[in-house]
């Protein structure tokens, strides 16, 4: 019998989401902490609420950033 390998999603080296703190630390979001949390709360930045915390799917965030046409980066400068 041939054994198939299964991918353990927890061991994946490809990160699927950020926490707000990671976004701010890594410079992914061009504004400050207060602005980020306000944008998460009002739904401007795509996110998922898990209990009291937010997680930001990287693919959704990048798609949202691309849809802004670079305006956010220009505003941040």
C-alpha atoms as a PDB file:
ATOM      1  CA  UNK A   1       0.000   0.000   0.000  1.00  0.00           C
ATOM      2  CA  UNK A   2       1.359   3.400  -0.974  1.00  0.00           C
ATOM      3  CA  UNK A   3       1.548   5.901   1.843  1.00  0.00           C
ATOM      4  CA  UNK A   4       0.664   9.470   0.994  1.00  0.00           C
ATOM      5  CA  UNK A   5       2.204  12.378   2.801  1.00  0.00           C
ATOM      6  CA  UNK A   6      -0.064  14.861   4.483  1.00  0.00           C
ATOM      7  CA  UNK A   7       0.791  18.488   4.925  1.00  0.00           C
ATOM      8  CA  UNK A   8       0.533  19.658   8.491  1.00  0.00           C
ATOM      9  CA  UNK A   9      -0.842  23.178   8.263  1.00  0.00           C
ATOM     10  CA  UNK A  10       0.656  24.128  11.611  1.00  0.00           C
ATOM     11  CA  UNK A  11       4.146  23.319  10.333  1.00  0.00           C
ATOM     12  CA  UNK A  12       3.728  25.385   7.201  1.00  0.00           C
ATOM     13  CA  UNK A  13       6.582  27.826   6.718  1.00  0.00           C
ATOM     14  CA  UNK A  14       4.312  30.136   4.737  1.00  0.00           C
ATOM     15  CA  UNK A  15       2.616  32.621   7.030  1.00  0.00           C
ATOM     16  CA  UNK A  16      -1.079  33.118   6.252  1.00  0.00           C
ATOM     17  CA  UNK A  17      -1.936  36.002   8.596  1.00  0.00           C
ATOM     18  CA  UNK A  18      -0.486  38.816  10.669  1.00  0.00           C
ATOM     19  CA  UNK A  19      -1.368  40.189  14.051  1.00  0.00           C
ATOM     20  CA  UNK A  20      -1.630  43.975  14.251  1.00  0.00           C
ATOM     21  CA  UNK A  21       1.587  44.051  16.282  1.00  0.00           C
ATOM     22  CA  UNK A  22       3.444  42.130  13.555  1.00  0.00           C
ATOM     23  CA  UNK A  23       2.169  44.508  10.897  1.00  0.00           C
ATOM     24  CA  UNK A  24       3.408  47.519  12.825  1.00  0.00           C
ATOM     25  CA  UNK A  25       6.750  45.924  13.712  1.00  0.00           C
ATOM     26  CA  UNK A  26       7.439  44.795  10.135  1.00  0.00           C
ATOM     27  CA  UNK A  27       6.311  48.067   8.552  1.00  0.00           C
ATOM     28  CA  UNK A  28       3.502  46.460   6.530  1.00  0.00           C
ATOM     29  CA  UNK A  29       1.054  49.188   7.550  1.00  0.00           C
ATOM     30  CA  UNK A  30       2.245  52.712   6.746  1.00  0.00           C
ATOM     31  CA  UNK A  31       0.499  54.477   9.650  1.00  0.00           C
ATOM     32  CA  UNK A  32       0.548  54.267  13.436  1.00  0.00           C
ATOM     33  CA  UNK A  33      -0.989  51.910  15.948  1.00  0.00           C
ATOM     34  CA  UNK A  34      -4.088  53.988  16.694  1.00  0.00           C
ATOM     35  CA  UNK A  35      -4.896  54.387  13.000  1.00  0.00           C
ATOM     36  CA  UNK A  36      -4.472  50.644  12.401  1.00  0.00           C
ATOM     37  CA  UNK A  37      -6.790  49.635  15.235  1.00  0.00           C
ATOM     38  CA  UNK A  38      -9.378  52.220  14.177  1.00  0.00           C
ATOM     39  CA  UNK A  39      -9.220  50.847  10.610  1.00  0.00           C
ATOM     40  CA  UNK A  40      -9.603  47.288  11.881  1.00  0.00           C
ATOM     41  CA  UNK A  41     -12.571  48.230  14.054  1.00  0.00           C
ATOM     42  CA  UNK A  42     -14.471  50.061  11.310  1.00  0.00           C
ATOM     43  CA  UNK A  43     -13.675  47.386   8.692  1.00  0.00           C
ATOM     44  CA  UNK A  44     -11.472  49.475   6.416  1.00  0.00           C
ATOM     45  CA  UNK A  45      -8.609  46.993   6.722  1.00  0.00           C
ATOM     46  CA  UNK A  46      -9.714  43.396   6.037  1.00  0.00           C
ATOM     47  CA  UNK A  47      -9.480  41.339   9.209  1.00  0.00           C
ATOM     48  CA  UNK A  48     -11.003  38.528  11.227  1.00  0.00           C
ATOM     49  CA  UNK A  49     -11.952  39.005  14.850  1.00  0.00           C
ATOM     50  CA  UNK A  50     -10.984  36.111  17.100  1.00  0.00           C
ATOM     51  CA  UNK A  51     -12.357  36.821  20.537  1.00  0.00           C
ATOM     52  CA  UNK A  52     -10.980  40.240  21.425  1.00  0.00           C
ATOM     53  CA  UNK A  53      -8.066  40.039  18.997  1.00  0.00           C
ATOM     54  CA  UNK A  54      -7.731  40.757  15.295  1.00  0.00           C
ATOM     55  CA  UNK A  55      -5.881  38.721  12.692  1.00  0.00           C
ATOM     56  CA  UNK A  56      -5.236  40.050   9.223  1.00  0.00           C
ATOM     57  CA  UNK A  57      -5.098  37.527   6.353  1.00  0.00           C
ATOM     58  CA  UNK A  58      -2.007  38.447   4.337  1.00  0.00           C
ATOM     59  CA  UNK A  59      -3.574  37.723   0.933  1.00  0.00           C
ATOM     60  CA  UNK A  60      -6.649  39.826   1.730  1.00  0.00           C
ATOM     61  CA  UNK A  61      -4.511  42.675   3.053  1.00  0.00           C
ATOM     62  CA  UNK A  62      -2.257  42.666  -0.023  1.00  0.00           C
ATOM     63  CA  UNK A  63      -5.291  42.627  -2.335  1.00  0.00           C
ATOM     64  CA  UNK A  64      -6.793  45.540  -0.388  1.00  0.00           C
ATOM     65  CA  UNK A  65      -3.507  47.446  -0.536  1.00  0.00           C
ATOM     66  CA  UNK A  66      -3.268  46.878  -4.315  1.00  0.00           C
ATOM     67  CA  UNK A  67      -6.853  48.093  -4.745  1.00  0.00           C
ATOM     68  CA  UNK A  68      -5.874  51.378  -3.062  1.00  0.00           C
ATOM     69  CA  UNK A  69      -3.545  52.060  -5.993  1.00  0.00           C
ATOM     70  CA  UNK A  70      -0.609  53.076  -3.827  1.00  0.00           C
ATOM     71  CA  UNK A  71      -2.517  55.986  -2.285  1.00  0.00           C
ATOM     72  CA  UNK A  72      -1.812  54.782   1.257  1.00  0.00           C
ATOM     73  CA  UNK A  73       1.921  54.685   0.712  1.00  0.00           C
ATOM     74  CA  UNK A  74       1.854  58.202  -0.740  1.00  0.00           C
ATOM     75  CA  UNK A  75      -0.138  59.478   2.229  1.00  0.00           C
ATOM     76  CA  UNK A  76       2.296  57.895   4.676  1.00  0.00           C
ATOM     77  CA  UNK A  77       5.289  59.772   3.263  1.00  0.00           C
END
